[in-house]
Amino acid sequence: MIDLLKERLANLQKISDSAKRRVNLYADIAKIDRKHANDSLGALQKAPAPGKKLQKIGFLMLWIPEPTGVTCAVGGPMIVAGRYLDKKYNGSTIHDIGHETKNTLSSISEFKNSIM
């Protein structure tokens, strides 16, 4: 009975030490230059999509009725620019990278199994 209690106490100490290390790591990360670090970490979690935003604004400008037609002349190029940015701008996040890595590893393992 005493051995079980000692084992459980050792496990609780390990968990406590792990939590302390994690808190210290988060505190050290928080001390980094906040603006640039926050921008970088934010981009990894949620990538901005300027192409999609430009396309949406362009479509809105095309559908706004205006007698002079200026919005139609501006809306079309905005849609084209948005499509170009969608093709050229990489808006992947960590989730996307992990998903693609998982797909690649499964493809490699399927290929390996098919050879053997």
Protein backbone atom coordinates (compact mmCIF):
# COMPACT_ATOMS: atom_id res chain seq x y z
CA MET A 1 0.00 0.00 0.00
CA ILE A 2 2.82 2.39 0.85
CA ASP A 3 4.56 1.61 -2.46
CA LEU A 4 1.42 2.57 -4.38
CA LEU A 5 1.23 5.86 -2.52
CA LYS A 6 4.91 6.58 -3.20
CA GLU A 7 4.44 5.76 -6.86
CA ARG A 8 1.39 8.04 -7.08
CA LEU A 9 3.29 10.81 -5.28
CA ALA A 10 6.20 10.44 -7.72
CA ASN A 11 3.78 10.71 -10.66
CA LEU A 12 2.22 13.84 -9.16
CA GLN A 13 5.68 15.38 -8.70
CA LYS A 14 6.54 14.64 -12.33
CA ILE A 15 3.31 16.28 -13.48
CA SER A 16 3.99 19.27 -11.26
CA ASP A 17 7.52 19.65 -12.60
CA SER A 18 6.26 19.41 -16.16
CA ALA A 19 3.65 22.12 -15.51
CA LYS A 20 6.31 24.37 -13.93
CA ARG A 21 8.61 23.94 -16.94
CA ARG A 22 5.74 24.72 -19.31
CA VAL A 23 4.82 27.87 -17.37
CA ASN A 24 8.45 29.00 -17.39
CA LEU A 25 8.65 28.40 -21.14
CA TYR A 26 5.49 30.43 -21.75
CA ALA A 27 6.82 33.21 -19.53
CA ASP A 28 10.09 33.28 -21.49
CA ILE A 29 8.20 33.40 -24.78
CA ALA A 30 6.16 36.31 -23.45
CA LYS A 31 9.39 38.24 -22.77
CA ILE A 32 10.34 38.15 -26.47
CA ASP A 33 9.78 41.34 -28.49
CA ARG A 34 6.01 41.23 -28.44
CA LYS A 35 5.01 42.93 -31.66
CA HIS A 36 7.09 40.88 -34.07
CA ALA A 37 6.61 37.63 -32.14
CA ASN A 38 2.85 38.14 -31.93
CA ASP A 39 2.65 38.88 -35.64
CA SER A 40 4.65 35.78 -36.53
CA LEU A 41 2.74 33.46 -34.21
CA GLY A 42 -0.56 34.92 -35.36
CA ALA A 43 0.37 34.33 -38.99
CA LEU A 44 1.13 30.70 -38.18
CA GLN A 45 -2.26 30.20 -36.55
CA LYS A 46 -4.43 32.21 -38.94
CA ALA A 47 -2.96 33.22 -42.24
CA PRO A 48 -4.35 36.39 -43.80
CA ALA A 49 -5.96 36.05 -47.20
CA PRO A 50 -5.62 39.40 -48.98
CA GLY A 51 -6.64 37.91 -52.33
CA LYS A 52 -10.01 36.72 -51.07
CA LYS A 53 -10.63 40.08 -49.39
CA LEU A 54 -9.83 41.96 -52.60
CA GLN A 55 -12.14 39.68 -54.56
CA LYS A 56 -15.00 40.25 -52.12
CA ILE A 57 -14.55 44.01 -52.21
CA GLY A 58 -14.36 43.91 -56.01
CA PHE A 59 -17.59 41.94 -56.29
CA LEU A 60 -19.30 44.34 -53.89
CA MET A 61 -18.16 47.29 -55.95
CA LEU A 62 -19.48 45.67 -59.13
CA TRP A 63 -22.92 45.14 -57.61
CA ILE A 64 -23.27 48.64 -56.13
CA PRO A 65 -25.47 50.65 -58.47
CA GLU A 66 -23.85 53.94 -59.36
CA PRO A 67 -24.71 56.21 -62.27
CA THR A 68 -21.11 57.16 -63.12
CA GLY A 69 -19.80 53.59 -63.35
CA VAL A 70 -16.62 54.29 -61.38
CA THR A 71 -17.19 51.34 -59.08
CA CYS A 72 -17.53 49.01 -62.07
CA ALA A 73 -14.25 50.30 -63.48
CA VAL A 74 -12.52 49.73 -60.13
CA GLY A 75 -14.29 46.48 -59.17
CA GLY A 76 -13.11 44.44 -62.15
CA PRO A 77 -9.38 45.05 -61.64
CA MET A 78 -9.80 44.36 -57.91
CA ILE A 79 -11.27 40.94 -58.69
CA VAL A 80 -8.43 40.17 -61.10
CA ALA A 81 -5.83 41.34 -58.57
CA GLY A 82 -7.47 39.21 -55.88
CA ARG A 83 -7.33 36.12 -58.07
CA TYR A 84 -3.67 36.80 -58.85
CA LEU A 85 -2.86 37.17 -55.14
CA ASP A 86 -4.72 33.92 -54.41
CA LYS A 87 -2.48 32.09 -56.85
CA LYS A 88 0.78 33.70 -55.74
CA TYR A 89 0.25 34.15 -52.00
CA ASN A 90 0.74 31.14 -49.73
CA GLY A 91 -1.89 31.36 -47.01
CA SER A 92 -1.19 28.03 -45.33
CA THR A 93 -1.26 27.66 -41.56
CA ILE A 94 0.30 25.14 -39.20
CA HIS A 95 -2.88 23.06 -39.43
CA ASP A 96 -2.55 22.86 -43.21
CA ILE A 97 1.11 21.91 -43.00
CA GLY A 98 0.36 19.16 -40.48
CA HIS A 99 -2.47 17.84 -42.64
CA GLU A 100 -0.27 17.71 -45.74
CA THR A 101 2.56 16.05 -43.79
CA LYS A 102 0.15 13.39 -42.56
CA ASN A 103 -1.06 12.78 -46.12
CA THR A 104 2.51 12.52 -47.40
CA LEU A 105 3.52 10.06 -44.68
CA SER A 106 0.50 7.89 -45.35
CA SER A 107 1.29 7.92 -49.09
CA ILE A 108 4.89 6.92 -48.39
CA SER A 109 3.80 4.09 -46.10
CA GLU A 110 1.25 2.87 -48.69
CA PHE A 111 3.98 2.91 -51.36
CA LYS A 112 6.33 1.02 -49.06
CA ASN A 113 3.67 -1.59 -48.27
CA SER A 114 2.84 -2.05 -51.95
CA ILE A 115 6.50 -2.77 -52.77
CA MET A 116 6.97 -5.29 -50.00
